[in-house]
Amino acid sequence: METVLLSIHLIVAIALVAVILLQRSEGGALGIGGGQGGMMTARGAGNLLTKATKWLAIVFLANSLLLGWFAANKRGDDAVLDAAVEQSKEGGDSQLPEIPTVPEDGEG
């Protein structure tokens, strides 16, 4: 399921970037670029690219939330830290090497 969501996420991300780059600059913040019309024209508000951007952003956000939820609730049997904690609680043989110690003054 995660592989399908990751594939959808990649496709939506690429499509979102492409749709955003295809849109005409409307000027805006710094007063550069733009066309002859004002900030928002009636034709520009209902533009197909604007609607596509909105829906792609909604799908991208929902997909991101789903992927985050799957990652947070993923419980695998191969969790390394959990296995190490269980092994130390059981008192079994540790596979970790012994930590070398510094000899006291006057010894060895």
Protein backbone atom coordinates (compact mmCIF):
# COMPACT_ATOMS: atom_id res chain seq x y z
CA MET A 1 0.00 0.00 0.00
CA GLU A 2 2.84 2.36 0.83
CA THR A 3 4.46 1.70 -2.52
CA VAL A 4 1.27 2.68 -4.32
CA LEU A 5 0.94 5.85 -2.24
CA LEU A 6 4.59 6.75 -2.85
CA SER A 7 4.12 6.28 -6.59
CA ILE A 8 1.00 8.45 -6.57
CA HIS A 9 2.85 11.04 -4.47
CA LEU A 10 5.70 11.22 -6.97
CA ILE A 11 3.37 11.55 -9.94
CA VAL A 12 1.28 14.24 -8.22
CA ALA A 13 4.40 16.17 -7.18
CA ILE A 14 5.76 16.21 -10.74
CA ALA A 15 2.35 17.20 -12.13
CA LEU A 16 1.99 19.95 -9.53
CA VAL A 17 5.37 21.44 -10.40
CA ALA A 18 4.56 21.28 -14.12
CA VAL A 19 1.13 22.92 -13.70
CA ILE A 20 2.56 25.69 -11.52
CA LEU A 21 5.33 26.42 -14.02
CA LEU A 22 2.85 26.54 -16.91
CA GLN A 23 0.78 29.29 -15.29
CA ARG A 24 1.19 32.86 -16.45
CA SER A 25 2.76 35.27 -14.01
CA GLU A 26 0.28 37.78 -12.64
CA GLY A 27 2.79 40.18 -11.17
CA GLY A 28 2.01 40.49 -7.52
CA ALA A 29 4.35 41.06 -4.64
CA LEU A 30 7.15 43.13 -6.14
CA GLY A 31 5.31 44.60 -9.08
CA ILE A 32 7.41 42.77 -11.64
CA GLY A 33 6.14 40.65 -14.51
CA GLY A 34 2.46 40.34 -15.22
CA GLY A 35 0.31 41.29 -18.13
CA GLN A 36 -1.90 44.17 -19.17
CA GLY A 37 -4.80 43.28 -16.88
CA GLY A 38 -5.13 43.79 -13.14
CA MET A 39 -4.12 41.36 -10.43
CA MET A 40 -7.05 38.97 -10.96
CA THR A 41 -9.19 38.90 -14.06
CA ALA A 42 -12.49 37.03 -14.35
CA ARG A 43 -10.99 34.82 -17.02
CA GLY A 44 -7.93 34.05 -14.91
CA ALA A 45 -9.94 33.04 -11.84
CA GLY A 46 -11.69 30.21 -13.66
CA ASN A 47 -8.63 29.07 -15.51
CA LEU A 48 -8.13 25.34 -15.99
CA LEU A 49 -4.58 25.55 -14.66
CA THR A 50 -5.78 27.24 -11.48
CA LYS A 51 -8.34 24.52 -10.85
CA ALA A 52 -5.82 21.80 -11.64
CA THR A 53 -3.35 23.35 -9.21
CA LYS A 54 -5.96 23.42 -6.46
CA TRP A 55 -6.94 19.77 -6.89
CA LEU A 56 -3.37 18.56 -7.25
CA ALA A 57 -2.46 20.42 -4.06
CA ILE A 58 -5.39 18.80 -2.22
CA VAL A 59 -4.38 15.33 -3.41
CA PHE A 60 -0.74 16.04 -2.52
CA LEU A 61 -1.66 17.14 1.00
CA ALA A 62 -4.00 14.19 1.61
CA ASN A 63 -1.40 11.77 0.29
CA SER A 64 1.27 13.34 2.51
CA LEU A 65 -0.96 12.92 5.56
CA LEU A 66 -1.67 9.28 4.68
CA LEU A 67 2.02 8.53 4.19
CA GLY A 68 2.82 10.17 7.51
CA TRP A 69 0.13 8.16 9.24
CA PHE A 70 1.45 4.91 7.75
CA ALA A 71 4.99 5.78 8.81
CA ALA A 72 3.92 6.60 12.37
CA ASN A 73 1.90 3.40 12.75
CA LYS A 74 4.36 1.09 11.03
CA ARG A 75 5.24 -1.75 13.35
CA GLY A 76 7.78 -4.15 11.92
CA ASP A 77 9.16 -7.32 13.44
CA ASP A 78 12.65 -6.24 12.44
CA ALA A 79 12.81 -3.20 14.69
CA VAL A 80 16.45 -3.21 15.77
CA LEU A 81 16.06 -1.10 18.88
CA ASP A 82 13.10 -3.10 20.15
CA ALA A 83 14.99 -6.35 19.68
CA ALA A 84 17.99 -4.98 21.57
CA VAL A 85 15.82 -3.83 24.48
CA GLU A 86 14.05 -7.18 24.68
CA GLN A 87 17.35 -9.03 24.61
CA SER A 88 18.80 -6.89 27.42
CA LYS A 89 15.66 -7.44 29.53
CA GLU A 90 15.92 -11.20 29.06
CA GLY A 91 19.54 -11.13 30.18
CA GLY A 92 20.66 -13.03 27.11
CA ASP A 93 24.09 -12.89 25.58
CA SER A 94 24.73 -9.50 24.09
CA GLN A 95 26.14 -9.34 20.59
CA LEU A 96 27.72 -5.99 21.36
CA PRO A 97 31.47 -5.89 22.06
CA GLU A 98 32.65 -5.08 25.55
CA ILE A 99 33.52 -1.44 26.14
CA PRO A 100 37.25 -1.01 26.84
CA THR A 101 38.08 0.63 30.13
CA VAL A 102 40.93 2.90 31.09
CA PRO A 103 43.23 1.32 33.70
CA GLU A 104 43.53 3.03 37.08
CA ASP A 105 46.81 4.74 38.02
CA GLY A 106 49.44 2.24 39.06
CA GLU A 107 47.84 -0.71 37.33
CA GLY A 108 49.09 -2.52 34.41
